[in-house]
Amino acid sequence: MSSLPDGVTTAQVQKIWKSVCAELQLQLSPAVYNTWIVSNPLTSLVFLDDTQALATITSPTAFHSTNLKKNLHLQIKHSLDIHTTRNCNIEYRIGDPSLAFETPSSGTVNNQTAPGFGSIKTDLYPEQKPQVQQQSQQNYSHQIGHNQEHQNQQTTSPRVEDLFSEQSLSSAQSDRVGAISRKIGLRNDFTFETFAVSTTNEMAHAAATAVSNRPGNAYNPLFLYGGVGVGKTHLMHAIGNNILKNNSNCRIIYSTGEEFTNEIVHAIRNKKANVFKGKYRSADVLLVDDIQFIAGKNAVQEEFFHTFNALTKQLSQIVLTSDRPPHEMNLLEDRLRSRFEAGLMIDIGQPSFELRTAILLVKAKAARIDIPMEIAKTIASQVESARKIEGIITSIRSEVELKRRTITPELIQEILRVEITEKRPMIRVTPSEIIRTVANHYKFKQTAIKGARRSKPLVTARHIAMYLLKEDLSLPLTEIGKWFSNRDHTSVLHAVNKINKEMAINDQVRQDISALRMTLTAISR
């Protein structure tokens, strides 16, 4: 097997270029790919050190070389960076690409003929010889004449000047960013444009936007926390998508706390700790969802601590989300807690009724479903999180598209009954745990909740405790009454009915019950 002067074999060059071609073919239109990638191959690759590489792409004419460098440089460089794990500088040279290989092969990339590979001739490393360029230009002129005749016969073939039109390049760039986003693990539909803003999340939205426009310079780290379905993950994905939109070459890593933990375990088990460190510590932006998962795991916290320090030292942006603030993570190491708290921490509250209505209408529009305002308000009045709204939109869409049903109040009530009641997580706790949780939430003593005092805040807390005992534990009314100073079953029924009515009109009551259920669900695990 022949080898290049830097020790990179021609087989390695072949493998890298085929991988690059395969990736670019997914990002570009067939006309652009066939005209500007297939005919302009990688002909030299030199690894300068562990972080830098020099790649040479040879084009048959100055026209090819100039347009390739002007219009597709970023896409080619990004793909080469990924497949060489180095920062590649690219030289664009003019010559006959076919002369770069002694024995061309018939390799294909996704059913498209890829450039052949063989022993690379040494005359490609120095500057191209004038006679080679002259001969290449003559050959290309002849080829242009032949192609012109062919185009006259097939008028449907794309014109070369159209391949780099503003519309084509914009579409190609958008497709490329989308492909990179999906490869990272980001959802393309989670953008700032699809994020509904209100008083409960406007600060988080503003901070996330600032971070995405100036990563590493605005707020570092940015720590977003809040309950389920408040939009933490949406904002994190929006940050990543907006950064890619502004700079598609930015190295972004998105991971959940669980995935980060599993990667460390895998790296230690397979003795690839250095590979893991190289991956995470070379990131320009690190996005970690549900960071609370690493609490209590000593080896994971140790590695994240060093990763955190390395990234902040090189001004890389870090964005973290959690279901609670750092000071409530009991098993989190103090040195990590202090670093998390050193940045900007934002609590995202449960969405208000108006915001839930707006979220529902935005998601319905994205799903191409026309939901009347009154029905949207009905759904928003009974659903407390954006995540549940997404599930309900999916259910409505399936009923409309698969069963050809019309969106009516009756259909919505049917779906809500299934989504809210039947799919509610099972809470396996004792009555005393529910009473204690409600007392702690409202900052009352348990004896006061159970007693006879009738101040308005205390009565509300007592009624909610009764409501949860009835709805989530299905206790008989008489048994519930015994927990509250032997109250009559009619008093318990009145409390349950009152909270049911408040749930439909009072955002605060609905948010309190949602928070209590999340706490009880965590206790019951």
Protein backbone atom coordinates (compact mmCIF):
# COMPACT_ATOMS: atom_id res chain seq x y z
CA MET A 1 0.00 0.00 0.00
CA SER A 2 1.42 3.40 -0.96
CA SER A 3 1.79 6.11 1.62
CA LEU A 4 1.78 9.87 1.49
CA PRO A 5 4.81 11.82 2.75
CA ASP A 6 3.07 12.59 6.08
CA GLY A 7 2.27 8.95 6.76
CA VAL A 8 -1.39 9.17 5.72
CA THR A 9 -2.03 6.27 3.38
CA THR A 10 -3.98 6.64 0.18
CA ALA A 11 -6.52 4.20 1.61
CA GLN A 12 -7.10 6.62 4.50
CA VAL A 13 -7.50 9.53 2.10
CA GLN A 14 -9.95 7.44 0.11
CA LYS A 15 -11.97 6.58 3.21
CA ILE A 16 -12.08 10.17 4.45
CA TRP A 17 -13.10 11.61 1.07
CA LYS A 18 -15.83 9.01 0.57
CA SER A 19 -17.22 9.88 4.01
CA VAL A 20 -17.09 13.58 3.18
CA CYS A 21 -18.84 12.96 -0.16
CA ALA A 22 -21.56 10.91 1.52
CA GLU A 23 -22.24 13.71 3.99
CA LEU A 24 -22.17 16.49 1.40
CA GLN A 25 -24.53 14.56 -0.87
CA LEU A 26 -27.17 14.73 1.88
CA GLN A 27 -26.70 18.48 2.25
CA LEU A 28 -26.54 19.60 -1.38
CA SER A 29 -28.84 19.32 -4.36
CA PRO A 30 -27.91 16.59 -6.88
CA ALA A 31 -26.92 19.22 -9.46
CA VAL A 32 -24.56 21.05 -7.07
CA TYR A 33 -23.12 17.79 -5.71
CA ASN A 34 -22.44 16.21 -9.10
CA THR A 35 -21.01 19.37 -10.65
CA TRP A 36 -18.87 20.73 -7.84
CA ILE A 37 -17.99 17.86 -5.49
CA VAL A 38 -17.56 14.73 -7.63
CA SER A 39 -15.28 16.48 -10.14
CA ASN A 40 -13.10 18.28 -7.56
CA PRO A 41 -11.59 15.58 -5.31
CA LEU A 42 -9.38 15.64 -2.27
CA THR A 43 -5.89 14.85 -3.60
CA SER A 44 -3.66 15.42 -0.60
CA LEU A 45 -4.01 15.27 3.17
CA VAL A 46 -1.23 16.11 5.61
CA PHE A 47 -1.66 15.77 9.38
CA LEU A 48 0.51 18.59 10.75
CA ASP A 49 -0.10 17.64 14.40
CA ASP A 50 -2.87 16.32 16.63
CA THR A 51 -5.06 19.35 16.00
CA GLN A 52 -4.16 20.70 12.54
CA ALA A 53 -4.28 19.27 9.02
CA LEU A 54 -3.63 20.53 5.50
CA ALA A 55 -5.95 19.30 2.75
CA THR A 56 -5.56 19.88 -0.98
CA ILE A 57 -8.48 19.83 -3.42
CA THR A 58 -7.61 19.79 -7.11
CA SER A 59 -9.93 21.31 -9.72
CA PRO A 60 -9.69 21.04 -13.51
CA THR A 61 -10.00 24.82 -14.05
CA ALA A 62 -9.67 28.12 -12.26
CA PHE A 63 -13.44 28.54 -12.74
CA HIS A 64 -14.09 25.37 -10.74
CA SER A 65 -11.54 26.24 -8.08
CA THR A 66 -12.76 29.80 -7.56
CA ASN A 67 -16.43 28.90 -7.32
CA LEU A 68 -15.77 25.92 -5.08
CA LYS A 69 -13.77 28.05 -2.65
CA LYS A 70 -16.28 30.90 -2.75
CA ASN A 71 -19.49 28.93 -2.36
CA LEU A 72 -18.82 25.54 -0.75
CA HIS A 73 -15.70 26.07 1.33
CA LEU A 74 -17.51 26.08 4.69
CA GLN A 75 -19.43 22.86 3.96
CA ILE A 76 -16.31 21.01 2.79
CA LYS A 77 -14.18 22.27 5.66
CA HIS A 78 -16.76 21.39 8.29
CA SER A 79 -17.06 17.84 6.98
CA LEU A 80 -13.28 17.42 6.72
CA ASP A 81 -12.88 18.73 10.28
CA ILE A 82 -15.31 16.11 11.52
CA HIS A 83 -13.84 13.16 9.63
CA THR A 84 -10.20 14.03 10.35
CA THR A 85 -10.88 15.20 13.94
CA ARG A 86 -8.63 18.17 13.14
CA ASN A 87 -8.89 21.78 12.08
CA CYS A 88 -8.33 21.53 8.33
CA ASN A 89 -6.86 24.29 6.22
CA ILE A 90 -7.75 23.74 2.57
CA GLU A 91 -5.62 24.59 -0.46
CA TYR A 92 -7.42 24.80 -3.80
CA ARG A 93 -5.13 23.89 -6.70
CA ILE A 94 -5.63 23.72 -10.45
CA GLY A 95 -4.73 20.61 -12.42
CA ASP A 96 -6.20 17.46 -13.91
CA PRO A 97 -7.73 15.53 -10.98
CA SER A 98 -7.51 12.29 -12.98
CA LEU A 99 -3.72 12.59 -13.07
CA ALA A 100 -3.65 12.59 -9.29
CA PHE A 101 -4.34 8.86 -9.26
CA GLU A 102 -2.48 6.11 -11.03
CA THR A 103 -5.17 3.47 -10.72
CA PRO A 104 -8.65 4.94 -10.39
CA SER A 105 -11.26 2.76 -8.73
CA SER A 106 -14.99 2.61 -9.31
CA GLY A 107 -16.04 3.49 -5.79
CA THR A 108 -19.53 4.89 -5.38
CA VAL A 109 -21.19 7.08 -2.80
CA ASN A 110 -24.89 6.47 -2.46
CA ASN A 111 -25.14 5.21 -6.05
CA GLN A 112 -23.19 8.21 -7.37
CA THR A 113 -19.76 7.65 -8.91
CA ALA A 114 -17.10 8.92 -6.53
CA PRO A 115 -13.60 10.01 -7.53
CA GLY A 116 -11.15 7.14 -7.95
CA PHE A 117 -8.25 6.70 -5.58
CA GLY A 118 -4.78 5.31 -6.12
CA SER A 119 -1.21 6.36 -5.46
CA ILE A 120 -1.07 10.13 -5.40
CA LYS A 121 1.57 11.50 -7.75
CA THR A 122 4.18 13.67 -6.10
CA ASP A 123 3.77 16.50 -8.63
CA LEU A 124 0.56 17.45 -6.84
CA TYR A 125 2.39 18.49 -3.67
CA PRO A 126 4.53 21.27 -5.19
CA GLU A 127 2.93 24.03 -7.27
CA GLN A 128 1.28 22.67 -10.40
CA LYS A 129 3.52 22.67 -13.47
CA PRO A 130 2.50 25.22 -16.17
CA GLN A 131 2.25 22.60 -18.91
CA VAL A 132 -0.10 20.50 -16.77
CA GLN A 133 -2.34 23.50 -16.19
CA GLN A 134 -2.26 24.42 -19.89
CA GLN A 135 -3.13 20.90 -20.99
CA SER A 136 -5.88 20.77 -18.38
CA GLN A 137 -7.34 24.05 -19.61
CA GLN A 138 -7.33 22.77 -23.22
CA ASN A 139 -8.99 19.51 -22.20
CA TYR A 140 -11.57 21.43 -20.22
CA SER A 141 -12.29 23.81 -23.12
CA HIS A 142 -12.97 20.81 -25.33
CA GLN A 143 -15.18 19.34 -22.58
CA ILE A 144 -17.12 22.61 -22.28
CA GLY A 145 -17.88 22.53 -26.01
CA HIS A 146 -19.07 18.95 -25.75
CA ASN A 147 -21.20 19.77 -22.71
CA GLN A 148 -22.76 22.75 -24.52
CA GLU A 149 -23.92 20.47 -27.34
CA HIS A 150 -25.29 18.04 -24.78
CA GLN A 151 -27.18 20.82 -23.00
CA ASN A 152 -28.72 21.94 -26.28
CA GLN A 153 -30.14 18.45 -26.65
CA GLN A 154 -31.38 18.23 -23.05
CA THR A 155 -32.90 21.56 -22.11
CA THR A 156 -34.02 20.22 -18.73
CA SER A 157 -30.45 20.06 -17.40
CA PRO A 158 -29.70 22.70 -14.71
CA ARG A 159 -27.65 25.66 -15.89
CA VAL A 160 -24.28 26.06 -14.20
CA GLU A 161 -25.01 29.71 -13.37
CA ASP A 162 -28.19 28.57 -11.53
CA LEU A 163 -26.29 26.19 -9.28
CA PHE A 164 -24.91 29.09 -7.24
CA SER A 165 -27.90 31.39 -7.39
CA GLU A 166 -28.85 33.10 -4.12
CA GLN A 167 -31.90 30.88 -3.79
CA SER A 168 -29.95 27.66 -4.38
CA LEU A 169 -27.20 28.61 -1.95
CA SER A 170 -29.70 29.74 0.69
CA SER A 171 -31.57 26.46 0.37
CA ALA A 172 -28.34 24.45 0.50
CA GLN A 173 -27.15 26.35 3.58
CA SER A 174 -30.49 25.83 5.33
CA ASP A 175 -30.43 22.12 4.52
CA ARG A 176 -26.84 21.90 5.72
CA VAL A 177 -27.60 23.60 9.04
CA GLY A 178 -30.61 21.32 9.51
CA ALA A 179 -28.49 18.23 8.86
CA ILE A 180 -25.81 19.39 11.31
CA SER A 181 -28.48 20.21 13.90
CA ARG A 182 -30.04 16.75 13.64
CA LYS A 183 -26.62 15.10 13.83
CA ILE A 184 -25.87 16.97 17.06
CA GLY A 185 -29.21 15.84 18.49
CA LEU A 186 -31.13 19.12 18.32
CA ARG A 187 -34.75 19.38 17.25
CA ASN A 188 -35.11 21.60 14.19
CA ASP A 189 -38.57 22.77 15.30
CA PHE A 190 -37.30 24.02 18.67
CA THR A 191 -36.35 27.57 17.69
CA PHE A 192 -36.89 31.04 19.16
CA GLU A 193 -39.54 31.64 16.49
CA THR A 194 -41.67 28.76 17.81
CA PHE A 195 -41.19 29.67 21.49
CA ALA A 196 -44.15 31.51 23.02
CA VAL A 197 -43.09 34.24 25.47
CA SER A 198 -44.91 35.63 28.50
CA THR A 199 -44.06 37.03 31.92
CA THR A 200 -43.19 33.56 33.27
CA ASN A 201 -40.36 32.95 30.79
CA GLU A 202 -39.45 36.29 29.20
CA MET A 203 -36.21 36.63 31.19
CA ALA A 204 -35.11 33.12 30.25
CA HIS A 205 -35.97 33.81 26.61
CA ALA A 206 -34.00 37.08 26.61
CA ALA A 207 -30.94 35.45 28.23
CA ALA A 208 -31.05 32.48 25.85
CA THR A 209 -31.25 34.82 22.85
CA ALA A 210 -28.28 36.84 24.12
CA VAL A 211 -26.22 33.68 24.66
CA SER A 212 -27.00 32.38 21.17
CA ASN A 213 -25.93 35.68 19.59
CA ARG A 214 -22.72 36.01 21.64
CA PRO A 215 -21.75 32.54 22.91
CA GLY A 216 -19.08 32.63 25.59
CA ASN A 217 -19.46 36.38 26.11
CA ALA A 218 -23.00 36.95 27.40
CA TYR A 219 -23.80 34.73 30.39
CA ASN A 220 -21.55 31.79 31.17
CA PRO A 221 -22.74 29.41 32.37
CA LEU A 222 -26.45 29.89 31.73
CA PHE A 223 -28.44 27.74 34.17
CA LEU A 224 -32.17 27.31 33.46
CA TYR A 225 -34.35 25.44 35.95
CA GLY A 226 -38.03 24.75 36.46
CA GLY A 227 -40.67 22.04 36.49
CA VAL A 228 -41.72 19.67 33.74
CA GLY A 229 -42.95 21.23 30.50
CA VAL A 230 -41.96 24.86 31.15
CA GLY A 231 -39.75 25.14 28.05
CA LYS A 232 -36.21 24.53 29.34
CA THR A 233 -35.30 22.02 26.65
CA HIS A 234 -36.95 24.12 23.94
CA LEU A 235 -34.79 27.11 24.86
CA MET A 236 -31.64 24.99 24.99
CA HIS A 237 -32.29 23.58 21.51
CA ALA A 238 -33.15 27.09 20.25
CA ILE A 239 -29.78 28.34 21.49
CA GLY A 240 -27.98 25.59 19.59
CA ASN A 241 -30.01 26.08 16.41
CA ASN A 242 -29.48 29.85 16.40
CA ILE A 243 -25.73 29.48 16.94
CA LEU A 244 -25.54 27.07 14.00
CA LYS A 245 -27.58 29.47 11.89
CA ASN A 246 -25.03 32.23 12.59
CA ASN A 247 -21.97 29.97 12.40
CA SER A 248 -22.43 26.47 11.02
CA ASN A 249 -18.80 25.61 11.80
CA CYS A 250 -19.30 26.07 15.54
CA ARG A 251 -18.54 22.86 17.44
CA ILE A 252 -21.63 22.18 19.56
CA ILE A 253 -22.15 19.20 21.84
CA TYR A 254 -25.65 18.46 23.13
CA SER A 255 -26.10 15.81 25.79
CA THR A 256 -28.39 14.89 28.65
CA GLY A 257 -27.01 14.29 32.13
CA GLU A 258 -27.75 10.58 31.68
CA GLU A 259 -25.95 10.41 28.32
CA PHE A 260 -22.95 12.23 29.76
CA THR A 261 -22.83 9.69 32.60
CA ASN A 262 -23.12 6.72 30.24
CA GLU A 263 -20.34 8.07 28.00
CA ILE A 264 -17.98 8.36 30.96
CA VAL A 265 -18.76 4.81 32.08
CA HIS A 266 -18.20 3.55 28.52
CA ALA A 267 -14.92 5.49 28.19
CA ILE A 268 -13.55 4.14 31.47
CA ARG A 269 -14.61 0.59 30.68
CA ASN A 270 -13.00 0.69 27.22
CA LYS A 271 -9.94 2.69 28.30
CA LYS A 272 -10.87 5.62 26.05
CA ALA A 273 -10.88 8.39 28.65
CA ASN A 274 -8.63 10.56 26.48
CA VAL A 275 -11.07 10.31 23.56
CA PHE A 276 -13.91 11.39 25.85
CA LYS A 277 -11.90 14.32 27.20
CA GLY A 278 -10.85 15.39 23.72
CA LYS A 279 -14.45 15.39 22.54
CA TYR A 280 -15.96 17.44 25.34
CA ARG A 281 -13.08 19.79 26.07
CA SER A 282 -12.75 20.88 22.45
CA ALA A 283 -16.37 22.07 22.22
CA ASP A 284 -17.21 25.68 21.46
CA VAL A 285 -20.63 25.23 23.05
CA LEU A 286 -21.70 22.56 25.57
CA LEU A 287 -25.42 22.02 26.17
CA VAL A 288 -26.34 19.60 28.98
CA ASP A 289 -30.02 18.89 29.68
CA ASP A 290 -31.12 17.58 33.11
CA ILE A 291 -27.74 18.16 34.75
CA GLN A 292 -29.23 17.09 38.10
CA PHE A 293 -28.71 13.50 36.94
CA ILE A 294 -24.97 13.67 37.71
CA ALA A 295 -25.55 14.52 41.40
CA GLY A 296 -24.30 11.76 43.69
CA LYS A 297 -22.09 10.16 41.03
CA ASN A 298 -18.56 10.97 42.16
CA ALA A 299 -16.59 9.94 39.06
CA VAL A 300 -19.02 11.76 36.77
CA GLN A 301 -18.93 14.93 38.86
CA GLU A 302 -15.12 14.79 38.90
CA GLU A 303 -14.94 14.66 35.10
CA PHE A 304 -17.61 17.30 34.62
CA PHE A 305 -15.75 19.60 37.02
CA HIS A 306 -12.57 19.41 34.93
CA THR A 307 -14.54 19.70 31.67
CA PHE A 308 -16.33 22.77 33.02
CA ASN A 309 -13.05 24.41 34.01
CA ALA A 310 -11.40 23.65 30.65
CA LEU A 311 -14.31 25.08 28.66
CA THR A 312 -14.72 28.26 30.70
CA LYS A 313 -10.97 28.87 30.50
CA GLN A 314 -11.14 28.88 26.69
CA LEU A 315 -14.35 30.99 26.75
CA SER A 316 -16.58 28.20 25.44
CA GLN A 317 -20.27 28.62 26.22
CA ILE A 318 -21.97 26.27 28.72
CA VAL A 319 -25.75 25.99 29.04
CA LEU A 320 -27.33 23.74 31.67
CA THR A 321 -30.93 22.85 32.55
CA SER A 322 -32.31 21.22 35.66
CA ASP A 323 -35.59 20.57 37.42
CA ARG A 324 -34.28 22.39 40.51
CA PRO A 325 -31.71 25.07 41.43
CA PRO A 326 -28.16 24.01 42.43
CA HIS A 327 -28.70 24.64 46.14
CA GLU A 328 -31.50 22.05 46.17
CA MET A 329 -29.28 19.31 44.70
CA ASN A 330 -28.27 17.70 47.97
CA LEU A 331 -25.76 15.27 46.44
CA LEU A 332 -24.07 17.83 44.19
CA GLU A 333 -20.47 18.61 45.10
CA ASP A 334 -19.92 22.08 46.55
CA ARG A 335 -17.29 23.00 43.96
CA LEU A 336 -19.75 22.27 41.12
CA ARG A 337 -22.58 24.04 42.91
CA SER A 338 -20.47 27.18 43.28
CA ARG A 339 -19.60 27.14 39.58
CA PHE A 340 -23.19 26.67 38.50
CA GLU A 341 -24.26 29.56 40.72
CA ALA A 342 -21.46 31.81 39.41
CA GLY A 343 -23.29 32.27 36.12
CA LEU A 344 -26.83 33.42 35.41
CA MET A 345 -29.52 31.25 37.02
CA ILE A 346 -33.13 31.68 35.89
CA ASP A 347 -36.23 30.03 37.29
CA ILE A 348 -38.82 29.35 34.59
CA GLY A 349 -42.28 29.26 36.11
CA GLN A 350 -45.24 27.21 35.04
CA PRO A 351 -46.90 28.79 31.98
CA SER A 352 -49.90 31.01 32.64
CA PHE A 353 -53.30 30.36 31.07
CA GLU A 354 -52.63 32.93 28.34
CA LEU A 355 -49.21 31.46 27.59
CA ARG A 356 -50.57 27.91 27.45
CA THR A 357 -53.20 29.11 24.98
CA ALA A 358 -50.51 30.77 22.87
CA ILE A 359 -48.30 27.65 23.00
CA LEU A 360 -51.21 25.49 21.91
CA LEU A 361 -52.00 27.73 18.94
CA VAL A 362 -48.33 27.86 17.89
CA LYS A 363 -47.96 24.08 18.04
CA ALA A 364 -51.29 23.57 16.28
CA LYS A 365 -50.17 25.85 13.46
CA ALA A 366 -46.89 23.92 13.16
CA ALA A 367 -48.91 20.70 12.95
CA ARG A 368 -51.21 22.32 10.35
CA ILE A 369 -54.28 21.97 12.53
CA ASP A 370 -56.87 24.75 12.72
CA ILE A 371 -58.09 24.93 16.33
CA PRO A 372 -60.74 27.57 17.19
CA MET A 373 -59.83 30.02 19.96
CA GLU A 374 -62.56 28.84 22.33
CA ILE A 375 -61.44 25.22 22.06
CA ALA A 376 -57.83 26.32 22.57
CA LYS A 377 -58.87 28.07 25.77
CA THR A 378 -60.73 24.97 26.93
CA ILE A 379 -57.62 22.83 26.50
CA ALA A 380 -55.34 25.43 28.12
CA SER A 381 -57.62 25.66 31.16
CA GLN A 382 -57.14 21.95 31.89
CA VAL A 383 -53.49 21.38 30.94
CA GLU A 384 -50.64 22.79 33.00
CA SER A 385 -47.54 22.02 30.92
CA ALA A 386 -46.31 22.59 27.37
CA ARG A 387 -45.26 18.95 27.13
CA LYS A 388 -48.82 17.76 27.74
CA ILE A 389 -50.06 20.29 25.20
CA GLU A 390 -47.77 18.69 22.62
CA GLY A 391 -49.23 15.26 23.41
CA ILE A 392 -52.77 16.57 23.07
CA ILE A 393 -51.96 18.20 19.71
CA THR A 394 -50.63 14.83 18.52
CA SER A 395 -53.83 13.11 19.66
CA ILE A 396 -56.02 15.69 17.91
CA ARG A 397 -54.01 15.34 14.72
CA SER A 398 -54.35 11.56 14.71
CA GLU A 399 -58.12 11.78 15.24
CA VAL A 400 -58.51 14.31 12.42
CA GLU A 401 -56.14 12.73 9.89
CA LEU A 402 -56.60 9.02 10.56
CA LYS A 403 -60.23 8.85 11.67
CA ARG A 404 -61.47 11.85 9.67
CA ARG A 405 -63.10 13.37 12.75
CA THR A 406 -64.06 17.02 13.10
CA ILE A 407 -62.65 19.15 15.92
CA THR A 408 -65.60 19.64 18.28
CA PRO A 409 -65.92 20.33 22.03
CA GLU A 410 -67.00 16.70 22.47
CA LEU A 411 -63.87 15.37 20.76
CA ILE A 412 -61.65 17.65 22.86
CA GLN A 413 -63.26 16.51 26.12
CA GLU A 414 -62.79 12.90 25.06
CA ILE A 415 -59.09 13.48 24.36
CA LEU A 416 -58.58 15.46 27.57
CA ARG A 417 -60.13 12.69 29.62
CA VAL A 418 -57.64 10.21 28.21
CA GLU A 419 -54.58 12.46 28.22
CA ILE A 420 -55.08 14.07 31.63
CA THR A 421 -56.83 11.44 33.74
CA GLU A 422 -55.86 8.08 32.29
CA LYS A 423 -52.24 9.00 31.51
CA ARG A 424 -51.53 10.69 34.84
CA PRO A 425 -48.50 9.08 36.56
CA MET A 426 -49.43 6.71 39.36
CA ILE A 427 -48.69 8.20 42.77
CA ARG A 428 -47.87 5.55 45.37
CA VAL A 429 -47.76 7.45 48.64
CA THR A 430 -49.59 7.36 51.97
CA PRO A 431 -52.22 9.91 53.04
CA SER A 432 -49.82 11.26 55.68
CA GLU A 433 -47.18 11.90 52.95
CA ILE A 434 -49.70 13.90 50.93
CA ILE A 435 -50.68 16.00 53.95
CA ARG A 436 -47.02 16.57 54.87
CA THR A 437 -46.16 17.57 51.27
CA VAL A 438 -49.05 20.04 51.09
CA ALA A 439 -48.12 21.50 54.50
CA ASN A 440 -44.48 21.97 53.42
CA HIS A 441 -45.53 23.53 50.10
CA TYR A 442 -47.72 26.16 51.80
CA LYS A 443 -45.43 26.47 54.83
CA PHE A 444 -48.02 25.36 57.39
CA LYS A 445 -47.73 22.81 60.17
CA GLN A 446 -49.50 19.51 59.55
CA THR A 447 -51.59 20.04 62.68
CA ALA A 448 -52.88 23.31 61.23
CA ILE A 449 -53.84 21.60 57.95
CA LYS A 450 -55.75 18.93 59.86
CA GLY A 451 -57.24 21.33 62.42
CA ALA A 452 -60.26 23.63 62.60
CA ARG A 453 -58.72 27.05 61.87
CA ARG A 454 -60.35 28.73 58.87
CA SER A 455 -58.05 31.47 57.53
CA LYS A 456 -58.33 31.66 53.73
CA PRO A 457 -54.77 30.41 52.86
CA LEU A 458 -55.11 27.56 55.33
CA VAL A 459 -58.53 26.52 54.02
CA THR A 460 -57.18 26.47 50.44
CA ALA A 461 -54.29 24.22 51.50
CA ARG A 462 -56.66 21.93 53.40
CA HIS A 463 -59.05 21.65 50.45
CA ILE A 464 -56.16 20.83 48.08
CA ALA A 465 -54.95 18.09 50.42
CA MET A 466 -58.47 16.61 50.43
CA TYR A 467 -58.65 16.92 46.65
CA LEU A 468 -55.38 15.00 46.18
CA LEU A 469 -56.44 12.27 48.61
CA LYS A 470 -59.65 11.80 46.60
CA GLU A 471 -58.30 12.19 43.05
CA ASP A 472 -54.89 10.52 43.35
CA LEU A 473 -55.40 7.93 46.09
CA SER A 474 -59.15 7.37 45.47
CA LEU A 475 -59.88 7.31 49.21
CA PRO A 476 -63.56 7.26 50.29
CA LEU A 477 -64.92 10.63 51.44
CA THR A 478 -65.56 9.37 54.96
CA GLU A 479 -61.98 8.12 55.33
CA ILE A 480 -60.60 11.43 54.08
CA GLY A 481 -62.75 13.23 56.66
CA LYS A 482 -61.12 11.21 59.48
CA TRP A 483 -57.69 12.65 58.54
CA PHE A 484 -59.05 16.17 59.09
CA SER A 485 -60.47 16.15 62.62
CA ASN A 486 -63.28 13.73 61.70
CA ARG A 487 -64.97 16.08 59.27
CA ASP A 488 -68.24 14.99 57.66
CA HIS A 489 -68.10 13.48 54.17
CA THR A 490 -70.20 16.37 52.82
CA SER A 491 -67.45 18.81 53.88
CA VAL A 492 -64.90 16.74 51.98
CA LEU A 493 -67.15 16.60 48.89
CA HIS A 494 -67.57 20.39 49.03
CA ALA A 495 -63.77 20.82 49.18
CA VAL A 496 -63.16 18.49 46.22
CA ASN A 497 -65.83 20.18 44.09
CA LYS A 498 -64.49 23.61 44.94
CA ILE A 499 -60.94 22.71 43.89
CA ASN A 500 -62.28 21.18 40.67
CA LYS A 501 -63.91 24.52 39.83
CA GLU A 502 -60.79 26.48 40.84
CA MET A 503 -58.67 24.28 38.56
CA ALA A 504 -60.62 25.57 35.55
CA ILE A 505 -60.24 29.28 36.34
CA ASN A 506 -57.38 29.79 38.80
CA ASP A 507 -53.85 29.48 37.37
CA GLN A 508 -52.20 29.56 40.79
CA VAL A 509 -54.23 26.65 42.13
CA ARG A 510 -53.56 24.63 39.00
CA GLN A 511 -49.81 25.35 39.18
CA ASP A 512 -49.69 24.47 42.89
CA ILE A 513 -51.41 21.12 42.29
CA SER A 514 -49.11 20.37 39.35
CA ALA A 515 -46.04 21.11 41.50
CA LEU A 516 -47.40 19.00 44.36
CA ARG A 517 -48.05 16.06 42.03
CA MET A 518 -44.51 16.26 40.65
CA THR A 519 -43.14 16.20 44.20
CA LEU A 520 -45.37 13.27 45.17
CA THR A 521 -44.41 11.38 42.01
CA ALA A 522 -40.73 11.81 42.90
CA ILE A 523 -41.39 10.58 46.46
CA SER A 524 -43.25 7.51 45.20
CA ARG A 525 -40.39 6.29 42.96
